[in-house]
C-alpha atoms as a PDB file:
ATOM      1  CA  MET A   1      47.712 -13.667   4.136  1.00  0.00           C
ATOM      2  CA  LYS A   2      44.015 -12.901   4.125  1.00  0.00           C
ATOM      3  CA  TRP A   3      41.711 -13.868   6.954  1.00  0.00           C
ATOM      4  CA  LYS A   4      38.110 -14.925   6.289  1.00  0.00           C
ATOM      5  CA  LYS A   5      35.441 -12.290   6.631  1.00  0.00           C
ATOM      6  CA  ASN A   6      34.062 -12.205  10.192  1.00  0.00           C
ATOM      7  CA  PHE A   7      36.664 -14.701  11.387  1.00  0.00           C
ATOM      8  CA  GLY A   8      36.628 -12.962  14.783  1.00  0.00           C
ATOM      9  CA  LYS A   9      33.003 -13.954  15.296  1.00  0.00           C
ATOM     10  CA  TRP A  10      33.870 -17.563  14.472  1.00  0.00           C
ATOM     11  CA  LEU A  11      36.775 -17.411  16.903  1.00  0.00           C
ATOM     12  CA  LYS A  12      34.496 -16.095  19.657  1.00  0.00           C
ATOM     13  CA  LEU A  13      31.953 -18.822  18.951  1.00  0.00           C
ATOM     14  CA  GLU A  14      34.703 -21.440  19.205  1.00  0.00           C
ATOM     15  CA  ARG A  15      35.881 -19.978  22.528  1.00  0.00           C
ATOM     16  CA  LEU A  16      32.347 -19.890  23.926  1.00  0.00           C
ATOM     17  CA  THR A  17      31.737 -23.464  22.770  1.00  0.00           C
ATOM     18  CA  TRP A  18      34.608 -24.437  25.039  1.00  0.00           C
ATOM     19  CA  GLY A  19      32.991 -22.411  27.854  1.00  0.00           C
ATOM     20  CA  MET A  20      36.162 -20.375  28.101  1.00  0.00           C
ATOM     21  CA  SER A  21      36.543 -16.759  29.144  1.00  0.00           C
ATOM     22  CA  ARG A  22      38.846 -14.374  27.307  1.00  0.00           C
ATOM     23  CA  ARG A  23      40.967 -14.224  30.445  1.00  0.00           C
ATOM     24  CA  ARG A  24      41.441 -18.011  30.471  1.00  0.00           C
ATOM     25  CA  LEU A  25      42.189 -18.118  26.741  1.00  0.00           C
ATOM     26  CA  SER A  26      44.680 -15.310  27.218  1.00  0.00           C
ATOM     27  CA  LYS A  27      46.486 -17.189  29.993  1.00  0.00           C
ATOM     28  CA  LEU A  28      46.640 -20.447  28.072  1.00  0.00           C
ATOM     29  CA  SER A  29      47.609 -18.935  24.707  1.00  0.00           C
ATOM     30  CA  HIS A  30      49.974 -16.228  26.011  1.00  0.00           C
ATOM     31  CA  VAL A  31      48.079 -13.646  23.940  1.00  0.00           C
ATOM     32  CA  ASP A  32      46.877 -10.405  25.582  1.00  0.00           C
ATOM     33  CA  MET A  33      43.204 -10.433  26.534  1.00  0.00           C
ATOM     34  CA  GLU A  34      42.777  -7.077  24.771  1.00  0.00           C
ATOM     35  CA  THR A  35      44.199  -8.568  21.576  1.00  0.00           C
ATOM     36  CA  ILE A  36      41.719 -11.440  21.757  1.00  0.00           C
ATOM     37  CA  ALA A  37      38.855  -8.984  22.318  1.00  0.00           C
ATOM     38  CA  ASP A  38      40.022  -6.856  19.362  1.00  0.00           C
ATOM     39  CA  ILE A  39      40.149  -9.919  17.099  1.00  0.00           C
ATOM     40  CA  GLU A  40      36.702 -11.134  18.199  1.00  0.00           C
ATOM     41  CA  ASN A  41      35.154  -7.679  17.799  1.00  0.00           C
ATOM     42  CA  GLY A  42      36.611  -7.112  14.336  1.00  0.00           C
ATOM     43  CA  ILE A  43      38.914  -4.297  15.437  1.00  0.00           C
ATOM     44  CA  ASN A  44      42.073  -6.287  14.674  1.00  0.00           C
ATOM     45  CA  LYS A  45      41.455  -7.726  11.212  1.00  0.00           C
ATOM     46  CA  GLU A  46      45.111  -8.624  10.590  1.00  0.00           C
ATOM     47  CA  PRO A  47      46.264 -10.478  13.704  1.00  0.00           C
ATOM     48  CA  ASP A  48      49.732 -11.894  14.025  1.00  0.00           C
ATOM     49  CA  PHE A  49      49.820 -15.404  12.565  1.00  0.00           C
ATOM     50  CA  ASP A  50      51.784 -16.808  15.514  1.00  0.00           C
ATOM     51  CA  GLU A  51      49.272 -15.379  17.978  1.00  0.00           C
ATOM     52  CA  MET A  52      46.475 -17.018  16.008  1.00  0.00           C
ATOM     53  CA  LEU A  53      48.396 -20.312  16.090  1.00  0.00           C
ATOM     54  CA  ASN A  54      48.621 -20.058  19.887  1.00  0.00           C
ATOM     55  CA  ILE A  55      44.928 -19.241  20.250  1.00  0.00           C
ATOM     56  CA  CYS A  56      43.874 -22.031  17.899  1.00  0.00           C
ATOM     57  CA  ASP A  57      46.168 -24.508  19.631  1.00  0.00           C
ATOM     58  CA  VAL A  58      44.325 -23.886  22.910  1.00  0.00           C
ATOM     59  CA  LEU A  59      40.954 -24.206  21.150  1.00  0.00           C
ATOM     60  CA  GLU A  60      42.112 -27.374  19.358  1.00  0.00           C
ATOM     61  CA  SER A  61      41.404 -25.711  16.035  1.00  0.00           C
ATOM     62  CA  SER A  62      43.517 -24.768  13.042  1.00  0.00           C
ATOM     63  CA  ALA A  63      44.483 -21.209  12.155  1.00  0.00           C
ATOM     64  CA  TYR A  64      44.167 -22.302   8.533  1.00  0.00           C
ATOM     65  CA  PHE A  65      40.406 -22.693   9.077  1.00  0.00           C
ATOM     66  CA  PHE A  66      40.242 -18.910   9.488  1.00  0.00           C
ATOM     67  CA  LEU A  67      42.261 -18.135   6.319  1.00  0.00           C
ATOM     68  CA  GLU A  68      40.738 -17.499   2.923  1.00  0.00           C
ATOM     69  CA  GLU A  69      41.122 -20.484   0.614  1.00  0.00           C
ATOM     70  CA  GLY A  70      44.317 -20.506  -1.364  1.00  0.00           C
ATOM     71  CA  CYS A  71      46.221 -18.515   1.255  1.00  0.00           C
ATOM     72  CA  ASP A  72      49.127 -19.722   3.304  1.00  0.00           C
ATOM     73  CA  LYS A  73      51.232 -18.055   5.970  1.00  0.00           C
ATOM     74  CA  ASN A  74      53.731 -16.854   3.362  1.00  0.00           C
ATOM     75  CA  ASP A  75      51.175 -14.736   1.442  1.00  0.00           C
END
């Protein structure tokens, strides 16, 4: 599975659009706040797919939006 380039920046923008802090997103998605920060800052470029599903569920988005075209979770 290959994530889009700079997908962490898009994820941060989505979170900020909701007016949500990392702490709140962490609580709602059950993903560590540090993990969210690492994804947003480009440190974690290969996040766990299930964690991304949880984050995107809270943000009412799709994890597939952040994947390169032609990829699926089995790649």
